[in-house]
C-alpha atoms as a PDB file:
ATOM      1  CA  UNK A   1      -2.618  32.572 -15.034  1.00  0.00           C
ATOM      2  CA  UNK A   2      -1.693  28.461 -14.748  1.00  0.00           C
ATOM      3  CA  UNK A   3       1.157  27.762 -16.780  1.00  0.00           C
ATOM      4  CA  UNK A   4       0.830  25.459 -19.210  1.00  0.00           C
ATOM      5  CA  UNK A   5       2.472  22.067 -18.830  1.00  0.00           C
ATOM      6  CA  UNK A   6       4.604  23.306 -22.367  1.00  0.00           C
ATOM      7  CA  UNK A   7       6.192  26.103 -20.091  1.00  0.00           C
ATOM      8  CA  UNK A   8       6.578  24.052 -16.995  1.00  0.00           C
ATOM      9  CA  UNK A   9       8.408  21.146 -19.227  1.00  0.00           C
ATOM     10  CA  UNK A  10      10.572  24.234 -20.981  1.00  0.00           C
ATOM     11  CA  UNK A  11      12.136  25.415 -17.118  1.00  0.00           C
ATOM     12  CA  UNK A  12      10.164  29.185 -17.551  1.00  0.00           C
ATOM     13  CA  UNK A  13       8.929  28.619 -14.257  1.00  0.00           C
ATOM     14  CA  UNK A  14      10.602  30.052 -11.464  1.00  0.00           C
ATOM     15  CA  UNK A  15      10.389  29.286  -8.464  1.00  0.00           C
ATOM     16  CA  UNK A  16      10.541  31.992  -5.334  1.00  0.00           C
ATOM     17  CA  UNK A  17      11.743  32.026  -1.735  1.00  0.00           C
ATOM     18  CA  UNK A  18       9.426  32.881   0.421  1.00  0.00           C
ATOM     19  CA  UNK A  19      11.370  35.082   3.282  1.00  0.00           C
ATOM     20  CA  UNK A  20      12.555  33.680   6.854  1.00  0.00           C
ATOM     21  CA  UNK A  21      10.496  36.448   9.063  1.00  0.00           C
ATOM     22  CA  UNK A  22       8.208  34.738  10.952  1.00  0.00           C
ATOM     23  CA  UNK A  23       6.558  35.226  14.781  1.00  0.00           C
ATOM     24  CA  UNK A  24       9.809  35.381  17.414  1.00  0.00           C
ATOM     25  CA  UNK A  25       9.907  33.015  20.031  1.00  0.00           C
ATOM     26  CA  UNK A  26      10.977  33.682  24.154  1.00  0.00           C
ATOM     27  CA  UNK A  27      13.118  30.934  24.306  1.00  0.00           C
ATOM     28  CA  UNK A  28      15.702  32.501  26.739  1.00  0.00           C
ATOM     29  CA  UNK A  29      12.662  32.073  29.090  1.00  0.00           C
ATOM     30  CA  UNK A  30      12.069  28.823  28.295  1.00  0.00           C
ATOM     31  CA  UNK A  31       8.411  29.523  27.680  1.00  0.00           C
ATOM     32  CA  UNK A  32       8.027  29.756  24.598  1.00  0.00           C
ATOM     33  CA  UNK A  33       5.713  32.805  23.970  1.00  0.00           C
ATOM     34  CA  UNK A  34       5.343  35.009  21.442  1.00  0.00           C
ATOM     35  CA  UNK A  35       7.708  37.931  21.325  1.00  0.00           C
ATOM     36  CA  UNK A  36       7.532  40.500  18.536  1.00  0.00           C
ATOM     37  CA  UNK A  37       8.599  38.605  14.911  1.00  0.00           C
ATOM     38  CA  UNK A  38      12.885  36.878  14.568  1.00  0.00           C
ATOM     39  CA  UNK A  39      14.175  37.057  10.667  1.00  0.00           C
ATOM     40  CA  UNK A  40      17.345  36.130   9.495  1.00  0.00           C
ATOM     41  CA  UNK A  41      19.526  34.343  11.703  1.00  0.00           C
ATOM     42  CA  UNK A  42      17.313  34.797  15.210  1.00  0.00           C
ATOM     43  CA  UNK A  43      14.841  32.522  13.242  1.00  0.00           C
ATOM     44  CA  UNK A  44      16.846  29.954  12.130  1.00  0.00           C
ATOM     45  CA  UNK A  45      17.990  29.549  15.709  1.00  0.00           C
ATOM     46  CA  UNK A  46      14.218  28.901  16.620  1.00  0.00           C
ATOM     47  CA  UNK A  47      14.184  26.738  14.483  1.00  0.00           C
ATOM     48  CA  UNK A  48      16.908  24.495  15.177  1.00  0.00           C
ATOM     49  CA  UNK A  49      15.094  24.860  17.961  1.00  0.00           C
ATOM     50  CA  UNK A  50      11.434  23.401  17.542  1.00  0.00           C
ATOM     51  CA  UNK A  51      13.405  20.482  15.153  1.00  0.00           C
ATOM     52  CA  UNK A  52      15.491  19.313  17.634  1.00  0.00           C
ATOM     53  CA  UNK A  53      12.872  19.237  20.162  1.00  0.00           C
ATOM     54  CA  UNK A  54       9.605  17.993  18.592  1.00  0.00           C
ATOM     55  CA  UNK A  55       9.643  14.051  18.048  1.00  0.00           C
ATOM     56  CA  UNK A  56       9.969  13.421  15.197  1.00  0.00           C
ATOM     57  CA  UNK A  57       6.043  11.174  13.547  1.00  0.00           C
ATOM     58  CA  UNK A  58       4.154  12.473  17.734  1.00  0.00           C
ATOM     59  CA  UNK A  59       2.644  14.770  15.681  1.00  0.00           C
ATOM     60  CA  UNK A  60      -0.041  15.155  12.717  1.00  0.00           C
ATOM     61  CA  UNK A  61       0.626  18.687  12.252  1.00  0.00           C
ATOM     62  CA  UNK A  62       4.426  18.411  10.952  1.00  0.00           C
ATOM     63  CA  UNK A  63       5.939  16.438   7.992  1.00  0.00           C
ATOM     64  CA  UNK A  64       7.267  12.798   8.441  1.00  0.00           C
ATOM     65  CA  UNK A  65      10.848  15.321   7.373  1.00  0.00           C
ATOM     66  CA  UNK A  66       9.708  17.104  10.268  1.00  0.00           C
ATOM     67  CA  UNK A  67      11.547  16.706  13.867  1.00  0.00           C
ATOM     68  CA  UNK A  68      13.337  13.929  15.593  1.00  0.00           C
ATOM     69  CA  UNK A  69      13.111  10.954  16.809  1.00  0.00           C
ATOM     70  CA  UNK A  70      14.752  10.202  19.650  1.00  0.00           C
ATOM     71  CA  UNK A  71      12.124   8.355  22.087  1.00  0.00           C
ATOM     72  CA  UNK A  72      13.862   5.034  21.089  1.00  0.00           C
ATOM     73  CA  UNK A  73      16.944   6.028  22.510  1.00  0.00           C
ATOM     74  CA  UNK A  74      15.871   4.909  26.445  1.00  0.00           C
ATOM     75  CA  UNK A  75      17.148   2.468  27.739  1.00  0.00           C
ATOM     76  CA  UNK A  76      20.145   2.083  24.870  1.00  0.00           C
ATOM     77  CA  UNK A  77      23.968   2.240  26.042  1.00  0.00           C
ATOM     78  CA  UNK A  78      25.439   5.371  26.025  1.00  0.00           C
ATOM     79  CA  UNK A  79      28.370   3.586  22.790  1.00  0.00           C
ATOM     80  CA  UNK A  80      24.973   3.293  20.662  1.00  0.00           C
ATOM     81  CA  UNK A  81      23.445   6.629  21.986  1.00  0.00           C
ATOM     82  CA  UNK A  82      26.185   9.283  21.572  1.00  0.00           C
ATOM     83  CA  UNK A  83      26.999   8.603  17.415  1.00  0.00           C
ATOM     84  CA  UNK A  84      22.837   7.887  17.064  1.00  0.00           C
ATOM     85  CA  UNK A  85      22.874  11.139  18.496  1.00  0.00           C
ATOM     86  CA  UNK A  86      24.868  13.041  16.677  1.00  0.00           C
ATOM     87  CA  UNK A  87      23.626  10.655  13.496  1.00  0.00           C
ATOM     88  CA  UNK A  88      19.979  11.947  13.918  1.00  0.00           C
ATOM     89  CA  UNK A  89      20.647  15.678  14.368  1.00  0.00           C
ATOM     90  CA  UNK A  90      22.551  16.108  11.469  1.00  0.00           C
ATOM     91  CA  UNK A  91      19.869  14.244   9.467  1.00  0.00           C
ATOM     92  CA  UNK A  92      17.071  15.825  10.730  1.00  0.00           C
ATOM     93  CA  UNK A  93      18.378  19.424  10.261  1.00  0.00           C
ATOM     94  CA  UNK A  94      19.222  19.039   7.469  1.00  0.00           C
ATOM     95  CA  UNK A  95      15.961  18.589   6.211  1.00  0.00           C
ATOM     96  CA  UNK A  96      15.837  22.444   6.608  1.00  0.00           C
ATOM     97  CA  UNK A  97      17.416  23.620   2.931  1.00  0.00           C
ATOM     98  CA  UNK A  98      18.457  27.175   4.811  1.00  0.00           C
ATOM     99  CA  UNK A  99      20.912  24.539   7.483  1.00  0.00           C
ATOM    100  CA  UNK A 100      24.828  24.344   4.856  1.00  0.00           C
ATOM    101  CA  UNK A 101      26.332  21.688   7.192  1.00  0.00           C
ATOM    102  CA  UNK A 102      25.963  20.660  11.515  1.00  0.00           C
ATOM    103  CA  UNK A 103      29.678  19.751  12.991  1.00  0.00           C
ATOM    104  CA  UNK A 104      31.659  20.160  16.585  1.00  0.00           C
ATOM    105  CA  UNK A 105      29.761  17.901  18.577  1.00  0.00           C
ATOM    106  CA  UNK A 106      30.879  17.741  22.569  1.00  0.00           C
ATOM    107  CA  UNK A 107      28.582  14.919  24.708  1.00  0.00           C
ATOM    108  CA  UNK A 108      28.265  15.669  28.211  1.00  0.00           C
ATOM    109  CA  UNK A 109      27.579  12.618  29.794  1.00  0.00           C
ATOM    110  CA  UNK A 110      27.920  13.417  33.828  1.00  0.00           C
ATOM    111  CA  UNK A 111      24.696  12.933  34.802  1.00  0.00           C
ATOM    112  CA  UNK A 112      23.249   9.979  35.214  1.00  0.00           C
ATOM    113  CA  UNK A 113      21.131   8.748  32.273  1.00  0.00           C
ATOM    114  CA  UNK A 114      21.457  12.270  30.565  1.00  0.00           C
ATOM    115  CA  UNK A 115      23.802  13.243  27.903  1.00  0.00           C
ATOM    116  CA  UNK A 116      24.010  16.741  26.862  1.00  0.00           C
ATOM    117  CA  UNK A 117      25.033  17.642  23.405  1.00  0.00           C
ATOM    118  CA  UNK A 118      26.319  20.879  22.339  1.00  0.00           C
ATOM    119  CA  UNK A 119      27.018  21.528  18.391  1.00  0.00           C
ATOM    120  CA  UNK A 120      27.352  24.296  16.155  1.00  0.00           C
ATOM    121  CA  UNK A 121      24.864  24.803  12.814  1.00  0.00           C
ATOM    122  CA  UNK A 122      26.134  26.279  10.070  1.00  0.00           C
ATOM    123  CA  UNK A 123      23.402  27.584   7.701  1.00  0.00           C
ATOM    124  CA  UNK A 124      22.670  29.816   5.061  1.00  0.00           C
ATOM    125  CA  UNK A 125      22.864  33.116   7.843  1.00  0.00           C
ATOM    126  CA  UNK A 126      25.703  32.113   9.477  1.00  0.00           C
ATOM    127  CA  UNK A 127      26.913  29.956  11.825  1.00  0.00           C
ATOM    128  CA  UNK A 128      25.196  29.536  15.733  1.00  0.00           C
ATOM    129  CA  UNK A 129      25.031  27.435  18.142  1.00  0.00           C
ATOM    130  CA  UNK A 130      22.357  24.649  19.572  1.00  0.00           C
ATOM    131  CA  UNK A 131      22.088  22.268  23.132  1.00  0.00           C
ATOM    132  CA  UNK A 132      19.865  19.449  23.558  1.00  0.00           C
ATOM    133  CA  UNK A 133      19.610  17.100  26.081  1.00  0.00           C
ATOM    134  CA  UNK A 134      18.880  13.228  25.689  1.00  0.00           C
ATOM    135  CA  UNK A 135      17.281  10.428  28.007  1.00  0.00           C
ATOM    136  CA  UNK A 136      19.090   7.750  27.843  1.00  0.00           C
END
């Protein structure tokens, strides 16, 4: 049955939360093959991985709210790159309603032309650590 406009205006429509159960990726091995299922914190680990490793606007399958913009940082000075990476990671991850916050950024500049960033992600299922390397 389709709800009437009057019932929608009166707030009678209730939204249901979707489960986080998804197909499990083998992220430790780096091959990204499906290996069973993942739920809760493991599903969030995968979601964070996918978001920060998907260049925004490059794939028609994803909405414009999904992914991160890092390609334009190539050739920029490190004084610009580090704070911009932090801002862009926060912006990209906070699109997911299950993510509460992103903090604890650590930058490693020991390899020329590469910024290795490590950070903490607070989710409704708990906290996890994530990392990413960015060429600049």
